[in-house]
């Protein structure tokens, strides 16, 4: 197999460090108590709104990416009438950019916070588009954060986001919730205003917060103080075919409890397997600041190769299969024959924090590590113990 060098640079500063912004200026108030319920207004109000008949801003609730804010109500992703790959409101679905900012959306139904679904505006890979795509407005988790492409000076509206979601947005219908009064509030830099125009025309404020109140009024409008991932390392790590990244720690190949030729988690081991779907993800394991090299030949046996495997110690995971399906980090560790949990990564123990980076669209992952999906050019960093000062960036090799 021939390989060429394709450099993929994650721009420094692509993800703005926003913790001091409090999500929309709400950090001017002290953080909520540690036992605060995400999405629930604090019991201690900040300075009262100039209009005594309107609610005031609550103190900021501390959150990290990956946290779920509110109760499940809508399914994940865009609906069939939303963004499924076609242009929507002049926004295209394309490869993710490498510069992002965000706006935050809260939806309350009679005082109950409803979680904004994950993966609105993201389209899974297909045999034709093996890298998938994302719209300039999309969600990665259930925090309520709307990722906004910041590679241009474009502004985006709430109506564009709802169109990508495939849900209605009017003064009487918010994502199918009807028959109740609707009020919209915008927190921009700590200034709370009530929005009375066309909801679809509301411009999403960068680092600001939009709250849609349906039914019973809120006594306070929530604000959030965000803990963002580390910045990117400006010095790229070269992923050269046959190379090693980090310090050798594990022997090459599967362990005795890993794949021995039989199916593992539905993934087969075959000789001469078709590679109609062929993509690469990357795994970095860092323990107390030391990068541990992922072993070569995981999933490669003398008689067959698994659909997911490694060729070297760069951390690149090769996915080569006749058809598109979901591949997860847990499946890779099962083929390897190693443990993967929040306290144990292949025998290295400690508190594990996971970061996912899709070409600069980076966030902390708070779910089950085994469920992290492996898609084209996704960088997964597992931090064990001591926090990292910066997230790695890479210069990739790719098959021709």
Protein backbone atom coordinates (compact mmCIF):
# COMPACT_ATOMS: atom_id res chain seq x y z
CA UNK A 1 0.00 0.00 0.00
CA UNK A 2 1.43 3.38 -0.96
CA UNK A 3 1.17 6.32 1.34
CA UNK A 4 1.55 10.03 0.78
CA UNK A 5 1.92 12.82 3.25
CA UNK A 6 -1.10 15.05 3.69
CA UNK A 7 -0.78 17.74 6.29
CA UNK A 8 -3.81 18.59 8.32
CA UNK A 9 -3.27 21.61 10.51
CA UNK A 10 -5.55 22.45 13.41
CA UNK A 11 -5.24 26.21 13.74
CA UNK A 12 -4.04 27.51 17.08
CA UNK A 13 -6.77 29.44 18.69
CA UNK A 14 -9.36 27.55 16.66
CA UNK A 15 -11.30 26.88 19.76
CA UNK A 16 -11.54 30.07 21.75
CA UNK A 17 -10.86 29.82 25.45
CA UNK A 18 -14.20 30.88 26.75
CA UNK A 19 -14.24 29.87 30.39
CA UNK A 20 -13.82 33.48 31.43
CA UNK A 21 -16.78 34.48 29.27
CA UNK A 22 -19.26 32.49 31.34
CA UNK A 23 -21.08 31.42 28.20
CA UNK A 24 -22.48 34.87 27.69
CA UNK A 25 -21.18 37.15 30.36
CA UNK A 26 -22.89 35.20 33.13
CA UNK A 27 -19.54 34.58 34.77
CA UNK A 28 -19.68 38.06 36.26
CA UNK A 29 -21.67 36.33 38.99
CA UNK A 30 -19.94 33.69 41.14
CA UNK A 31 -20.38 30.08 39.99
CA UNK A 32 -23.33 28.14 41.30
CA UNK A 33 -22.81 25.76 44.19
CA UNK A 34 -21.35 22.38 43.21
CA UNK A 35 -24.65 20.61 43.86
CA UNK A 36 -26.57 22.84 41.46
CA UNK A 37 -28.68 21.03 38.88
CA UNK A 38 -27.47 21.83 35.33
CA UNK A 39 -29.99 23.98 33.54
CA UNK A 40 -31.88 24.95 36.69
CA UNK A 41 -31.75 28.64 37.63
CA UNK A 42 -29.83 29.43 40.81
CA UNK A 43 -31.73 30.28 43.97
CA UNK A 44 -29.59 33.40 44.40
CA UNK A 45 -30.36 36.07 41.80
CA UNK A 46 -27.86 38.44 40.26
CA UNK A 47 -28.58 42.13 39.87
CA UNK A 48 -32.27 42.65 39.05
CA UNK A 49 -33.40 43.41 35.52
CA UNK A 50 -34.22 47.05 34.88
CA UNK A 51 -37.79 45.96 34.15
CA UNK A 52 -39.12 44.58 37.42
CA UNK A 53 -41.81 42.60 35.59
CA UNK A 54 -39.20 40.58 33.71
CA UNK A 55 -36.91 37.86 35.12
CA UNK A 56 -33.31 38.50 36.12
CA UNK A 57 -30.19 36.53 35.26
CA UNK A 58 -29.39 33.65 37.58
CA UNK A 59 -25.89 33.04 38.82
CA UNK A 60 -23.78 31.02 36.38
CA UNK A 61 -23.87 27.23 36.59
CA UNK A 62 -20.47 25.67 35.94
CA UNK A 63 -20.50 23.18 33.06
CA UNK A 64 -18.09 21.32 30.79
CA UNK A 65 -18.59 20.15 27.23
CA UNK A 66 -20.36 16.82 27.13
CA UNK A 67 -22.62 17.61 30.08
CA UNK A 68 -26.31 16.99 29.52
CA UNK A 69 -28.43 20.09 30.25
CA UNK A 70 -32.13 19.34 30.65
CA UNK A 71 -34.41 16.37 30.11
CA UNK A 72 -34.63 14.25 26.97
CA UNK A 73 -37.51 15.32 24.75
CA UNK A 74 -36.44 15.18 21.08
CA UNK A 75 -34.37 12.44 19.39
CA UNK A 76 -30.75 13.11 18.50
CA UNK A 77 -29.82 14.59 15.15
CA UNK A 78 -31.70 16.49 12.50
CA UNK A 79 -35.12 15.31 11.39
CA UNK A 80 -35.76 14.03 7.87
CA UNK A 81 -37.04 17.48 6.91
CA UNK A 82 -33.87 19.13 8.24
CA UNK A 83 -30.27 19.10 7.13
CA UNK A 84 -29.41 15.67 5.77
CA UNK A 85 -26.60 16.84 3.49
CA UNK A 86 -28.36 19.27 1.13
CA UNK A 87 -27.96 23.09 1.34
CA UNK A 88 -30.24 24.58 4.00
CA UNK A 89 -30.91 28.33 4.15
CA UNK A 90 -27.75 28.98 2.12
CA UNK A 91 -25.64 26.85 4.47
CA UNK A 92 -23.83 23.83 3.03
CA UNK A 93 -22.91 20.57 4.68
CA UNK A 94 -19.17 20.17 4.26
CA UNK A 95 -16.00 18.97 5.96
CA UNK A 96 -15.72 20.53 9.38
CA UNK A 97 -13.74 23.73 9.55
CA UNK A 98 -10.99 24.41 12.07
CA UNK A 99 -12.25 27.63 13.67
CA UNK A 100 -15.32 27.62 15.90
CA UNK A 101 -17.18 29.76 18.36
CA UNK A 102 -20.54 29.01 19.93
CA UNK A 103 -23.87 30.31 21.07
CA UNK A 104 -26.02 28.62 23.70
CA UNK A 105 -29.70 27.73 23.50
CA UNK A 106 -31.95 26.78 26.43
CA UNK A 107 -35.56 25.67 25.92
CA UNK A 108 -37.92 25.59 28.91
CA UNK A 109 -41.38 24.02 28.94
CA UNK A 110 -43.40 25.19 31.95
CA UNK A 111 -40.19 25.70 33.88
CA UNK A 112 -38.72 22.31 32.86
CA UNK A 113 -35.42 22.43 30.93
CA UNK A 114 -35.43 20.34 27.75
CA UNK A 115 -32.12 19.03 26.44
CA UNK A 116 -31.12 20.29 23.01
CA UNK A 117 -30.32 17.11 21.03
CA UNK A 118 -26.80 16.11 20.07
CA UNK A 119 -25.71 15.83 16.42
CA UNK A 120 -28.12 18.35 14.95
CA UNK A 121 -26.51 19.34 11.65
CA UNK A 122 -23.99 16.50 11.52
CA UNK A 123 -24.31 13.87 8.79
CA UNK A 124 -22.81 10.40 9.22
CA UNK A 125 -20.39 8.94 6.66
CA UNK A 126 -21.68 6.99 3.67
CA UNK A 127 -19.99 4.90 1.03
CA UNK A 128 -19.98 7.96 -1.23
CA UNK A 129 -19.07 10.60 1.38
CA UNK A 130 -16.78 8.60 3.64
CA UNK A 131 -15.89 11.55 5.84
CA UNK A 132 -19.49 12.67 6.44
CA UNK A 133 -20.16 16.40 6.82
CA UNK A 134 -21.35 19.09 9.21
CA UNK A 135 -23.23 22.35 8.76
CA UNK A 136 -21.84 25.70 9.88
CA UNK A 137 -24.34 25.41 12.74
CA UNK A 138 -24.42 22.10 14.59
CA UNK A 139 -24.44 20.44 18.01
CA UNK A 140 -22.02 17.81 19.27
CA UNK A 141 -23.62 17.01 22.62
CA UNK A 142 -26.59 17.89 24.83
CA UNK A 143 -25.11 20.95 26.56
CA UNK A 144 -27.18 23.36 24.47
CA UNK A 145 -24.03 24.68 22.77
CA UNK A 146 -24.53 25.48 19.10
CA UNK A 147 -21.20 25.28 17.32
CA UNK A 148 -20.79 28.13 14.82
CA UNK A 149 -18.17 28.15 12.07
CA UNK A 150 -15.96 31.16 12.73
CA UNK A 151 -13.77 30.90 9.63
CA UNK A 152 -15.58 33.90 8.13
CA UNK A 153 -17.35 36.93 9.50
CA UNK A 154 -20.75 35.41 8.79
CA UNK A 155 -23.54 35.77 11.31
CA UNK A 156 -26.16 33.10 11.81
CA UNK A 157 -29.78 33.16 12.91
CA UNK A 158 -31.89 30.99 15.18
CA UNK A 159 -34.09 30.29 12.17
CA UNK A 160 -31.17 28.81 10.24
CA UNK A 161 -30.40 26.50 13.15
CA UNK A 162 -34.00 25.33 13.42
CA UNK A 163 -34.12 24.78 9.64
CA UNK A 164 -31.03 22.56 9.90
CA UNK A 165 -32.66 20.80 12.84
CA UNK A 166 -35.82 20.38 10.74
CA UNK A 167 -38.10 21.84 13.39
CA UNK A 168 -40.60 24.73 13.19
CA UNK A 169 -39.84 28.04 14.87
CA UNK A 170 -42.54 30.69 15.14
CA UNK A 171 -44.04 32.79 17.90
CA UNK A 172 -46.56 29.99 18.47
CA UNK A 173 -44.62 26.81 17.60
CA UNK A 174 -41.17 25.90 18.92
CA UNK A 175 -40.01 22.48 17.70
CA UNK A 176 -43.57 21.14 17.86
CA UNK A 177 -44.49 22.72 21.21
CA UNK A 178 -47.66 24.73 20.60
CA UNK A 179 -50.66 26.21 22.37
CA UNK A 180 -48.68 28.08 25.02
CA UNK A 181 -47.19 31.57 25.27
CA UNK A 182 -43.62 31.88 24.04
CA UNK A 183 -41.07 34.37 25.36
CA UNK A 184 -37.44 34.68 24.21
CA UNK A 185 -34.60 36.24 26.20
CA UNK A 186 -31.06 37.00 25.04
CA UNK A 187 -28.11 37.27 27.40
CA UNK A 188 -25.25 38.99 25.59
CA UNK A 189 -22.29 39.86 27.77
CA UNK A 190 -24.40 40.00 30.91
CA UNK A 191 -27.07 42.23 29.37
CA UNK A 192 -30.44 40.51 29.42
CA UNK A 193 -33.06 41.63 26.90
CA UNK A 194 -36.44 40.27 25.88
CA UNK A 195 -36.63 39.58 22.15
CA UNK A 196 -39.97 40.46 20.58
CA UNK A 197 -39.25 40.11 16.86
CA UNK A 198 -39.59 37.16 14.50
CA UNK A 199 -37.87 34.26 16.33
CA UNK A 200 -36.36 33.01 13.07
CA UNK A 201 -34.60 36.37 12.54
CA UNK A 202 -32.83 36.39 15.92
CA UNK A 203 -29.07 36.60 15.33
CA UNK A 204 -27.22 34.08 17.49
CA UNK A 205 -24.79 36.01 19.72
CA UNK A 206 -21.24 34.63 19.87
CA UNK A 207 -20.62 33.46 23.46
CA UNK A 208 -24.15 34.57 24.26
CA UNK A 209 -27.16 32.68 25.50
CA UNK A 210 -30.68 32.45 24.09
CA UNK A 211 -33.48 31.19 26.33
CA UNK A 212 -36.87 30.19 24.89
CA UNK A 213 -39.55 30.06 27.55
CA UNK A 214 -42.71 28.12 26.65
CA UNK A 215 -45.70 28.19 28.97
CA UNK A 216 -45.09 29.14 32.60
CA UNK A 217 -42.61 32.01 33.04
CA UNK A 218 -39.24 31.57 34.69
CA UNK A 219 -38.31 33.55 37.76
CA UNK A 220 -34.71 33.69 36.58
CA UNK A 221 -32.94 33.15 33.26
CA UNK A 222 -30.09 30.60 33.48
CA UNK A 223 -26.48 31.40 32.64
CA UNK A 224 -23.50 29.08 32.34
CA UNK A 225 -19.76 29.25 33.00
CA UNK A 226 -18.00 26.90 30.60
CA UNK A 227 -14.86 24.89 31.17
CA UNK A 228 -13.35 24.47 27.73
CA UNK A 229 -10.74 21.97 26.49
CA UNK A 230 -7.06 22.92 26.49
CA UNK A 231 -5.75 24.94 23.56
CA UNK A 232 -4.01 23.24 20.65
CA UNK A 233 -0.27 22.61 20.54
CA UNK A 234 1.14 24.73 17.68
CA UNK A 235 3.87 22.14 17.08
CA UNK A 236 2.51 19.34 14.95
CA UNK A 237 3.21 15.71 15.69
CA UNK A 238 4.18 13.87 12.49
CA UNK A 239 2.33 10.61 11.90
CA UNK A 240 4.69 8.83 9.52
CA UNK A 241 3.81 5.38 8.23
CA UNK A 242 5.78 2.81 10.20
CA UNK A 243 6.71 5.35 12.86
CA UNK A 244 6.30 5.60 16.61
CA UNK A 245 4.67 8.41 18.56
CA UNK A 246 5.33 8.31 22.29
CA UNK A 247 7.12 5.89 24.57
CA UNK A 248 6.69 2.18 23.99
CA UNK A 249 4.57 0.73 26.77
CA UNK A 250 2.63 -2.29 25.49
CA UNK A 251 3.77 -5.20 23.30
CA UNK A 252 2.59 -5.15 19.71
CA UNK A 253 -0.45 -7.14 18.63
CA UNK A 254 -3.48 -8.40 20.50
CA UNK A 255 -3.36 -9.76 24.00
CA UNK A 256 -4.46 -13.33 24.76
CA UNK A 257 -7.96 -12.02 25.60
CA UNK A 258 -8.23 -10.03 22.37
CA UNK A 259 -9.15 -11.05 18.85
CA UNK A 260 -7.83 -14.45 17.81
CA UNK A 261 -9.68 -14.73 14.50
CA UNK A 262 -13.29 -15.08 15.62
CA UNK A 263 -15.71 -12.18 15.32
CA UNK A 264 -15.28 -9.50 18.00
CA UNK A 265 -18.27 -7.27 18.75
CA UNK A 266 -19.60 -8.02 15.27
CA UNK A 267 -16.33 -7.19 13.50
CA UNK A 268 -14.84 -9.93 11.36
CA UNK A 269 -11.29 -10.99 10.69
CA UNK A 270 -10.70 -11.89 7.05
CA UNK A 271 -7.91 -12.32 4.53
CA UNK A 272 -8.04 -10.03 1.51
CA UNK A 273 -10.97 -8.01 2.85
CA UNK A 274 -12.55 -5.49 0.53
CA UNK A 275 -11.70 -1.87 1.38
CA UNK A 276 -14.62 -0.01 -0.21
CA UNK A 277 -14.92 1.93 3.05
CA UNK A 278 -11.45 2.97 4.18
CA UNK A 279 -10.93 5.74 6.77
CA UNK A 280 -8.57 6.51 9.65
CA UNK A 281 -9.03 7.76 13.19
CA UNK A 282 -6.33 8.53 15.74
CA UNK A 283 -5.85 7.60 19.39
CA UNK A 284 -3.45 9.28 21.82
CA UNK A 285 -3.01 7.92 25.35
CA UNK A 286 -1.24 10.32 27.72
CA UNK A 287 -0.47 9.32 31.31
CA UNK A 288 0.69 12.07 33.69
CA UNK A 289 1.99 14.04 30.74
CA UNK A 290 3.80 11.10 29.11
CA UNK A 291 2.58 9.98 25.69
CA UNK A 292 2.33 6.19 25.55
CA UNK A 293 2.75 4.70 22.09
CA UNK A 294 -0.18 2.63 20.87
CA UNK A 295 1.02 -0.81 19.78
CA UNK A 296 1.39 -1.89 16.18
CA UNK A 297 -0.50 -4.83 14.65
CA UNK A 298 -3.52 -4.66 16.90
CA UNK A 299 -6.16 -6.57 14.92
CA UNK A 300 -3.61 -8.06 12.52
CA UNK A 301 -3.07 -11.82 12.67
CA UNK A 302 -1.07 -14.15 10.47
CA UNK A 303 -4.23 -15.52 8.88
CA UNK A 304 -6.46 -12.43 8.74
CA UNK A 305 -6.97 -8.75 9.53
CA UNK A 306 -9.86 -7.33 11.53
CA UNK A 307 -11.92 -4.55 10.00
CA UNK A 308 -10.28 -2.23 12.54
CA UNK A 309 -6.53 -2.50 13.14
CA UNK A 310 -3.18 -0.70 13.49
CA UNK A 311 -0.07 -1.04 11.34
CA UNK A 312 2.41 0.92 13.45
CA UNK A 313 2.85 2.80 16.73
CA UNK A 314 1.59 6.18 15.54
CA UNK A 315 -1.87 5.70 17.07
CA UNK A 316 -3.61 5.69 13.69
CA UNK A 317 -6.49 3.21 13.65
CA UNK A 318 -7.27 1.87 10.17
CA UNK A 319 -10.88 1.02 9.34
CA UNK A 320 -11.09 -1.10 6.19
CA UNK A 321 -14.36 -2.82 5.41
CA UNK A 322 -16.78 -3.60 2.56
CA UNK A 323 -19.61 -1.55 4.10
CA UNK A 324 -20.34 1.46 6.30
CA UNK A 325 -21.32 0.79 9.89
CA UNK A 326 -20.61 2.20 13.31
CA UNK A 327 -17.13 1.59 14.70
CA UNK A 328 -16.39 2.45 18.32
CA UNK A 329 -13.40 2.83 20.60
CA UNK A 330 -14.76 0.00 22.75
CA UNK A 331 -14.63 -2.37 19.79
CA UNK A 332 -10.99 -1.43 19.19
CA UNK A 333 -10.07 -2.14 22.81
CA UNK A 334 -11.93 -5.47 22.66
CA UNK A 335 -9.98 -6.50 19.55
CA UNK A 336 -6.82 -5.40 21.35
CA UNK A 337 -7.93 -7.31 24.47
CA UNK A 338 -7.56 -4.42 26.89
CA UNK A 339 -9.71 -2.64 29.46
CA UNK A 340 -11.28 0.74 28.72
CA UNK A 341 -13.04 2.63 31.51
CA UNK A 342 -13.01 5.98 33.30
CA UNK A 343 -10.32 4.66 35.65
CA UNK A 344 -8.40 2.15 33.54
CA UNK A 345 -6.97 2.42 30.02
CA UNK A 346 -5.22 -0.80 29.01
CA UNK A 347 -3.92 -1.33 32.53
CA UNK A 348 -2.88 2.28 33.15
CA UNK A 349 -5.02 3.49 36.03
CA UNK A 350 -6.13 6.91 37.19
CA UNK A 351 -8.82 9.44 36.42
CA UNK A 352 -9.45 9.43 32.66
CA UNK A 353 -10.57 12.53 30.75
CA UNK A 354 -11.40 12.17 27.04
CA UNK A 355 -11.20 14.84 24.34
CA UNK A 356 -12.57 14.48 20.81
CA UNK A 357 -11.20 16.66 18.03
CA UNK A 358 -12.80 16.72 14.58
CA UNK A 359 -10.48 19.02 12.61
CA UNK A 360 -10.61 21.74 15.27
CA UNK A 361 -14.15 21.06 16.47
CA UNK A 362 -12.94 19.95 19.89
CA UNK A 363 -14.82 19.12 23.07
CA UNK A 364 -14.54 17.11 26.23
CA UNK A 365 -16.45 13.83 26.13
CA UNK A 366 -18.40 12.90 29.25
CA UNK A 367 -20.17 9.73 28.09
CA UNK A 368 -19.15 6.07 28.07
CA UNK A 369 -15.67 5.95 26.54
CA UNK A 370 -16.53 2.69 24.81
CA UNK A 371 -19.23 4.47 22.80
CA UNK A 372 -16.92 7.03 21.18
CA UNK A 373 -17.43 6.58 17.46
CA UNK A 374 -14.39 6.26 15.21
CA UNK A 375 -14.89 8.34 12.08
CA UNK A 376 -12.54 9.75 9.48
CA UNK A 377 -9.81 12.00 10.90
CA UNK A 378 -11.23 11.99 14.40
CA UNK A 379 -8.51 12.54 17.01
CA UNK A 380 -9.26 10.99 20.41
CA UNK A 381 -7.06 11.90 23.36
CA UNK A 382 -7.30 9.93 26.60
CA UNK A 383 -5.70 11.88 29.44
CA UNK A 384 -4.89 9.78 32.51
CA UNK A 385 -3.97 11.56 35.72
CA UNK A 386 -2.17 14.88 35.35
CA UNK A 387 -3.96 17.42 33.07
CA UNK A 388 -2.42 18.20 29.72
CA UNK A 389 -1.28 21.73 28.93
CA UNK A 390 -2.25 21.49 25.24
CA UNK A 391 -3.98 19.09 22.90
CA UNK A 392 -1.83 17.62 20.12
CA UNK A 393 -2.16 18.50 16.45
CA UNK A 394 -0.97 16.26 13.65
CA UNK A 395 0.53 15.98 10.20
CA UNK A 396 -1.09 12.87 8.76
CA UNK A 397 -0.08 10.32 6.18
CA UNK A 398 -2.86 8.94 4.02
CA UNK A 399 -3.15 6.02 1.59
CA UNK A 400 -3.32 6.93 -2.06
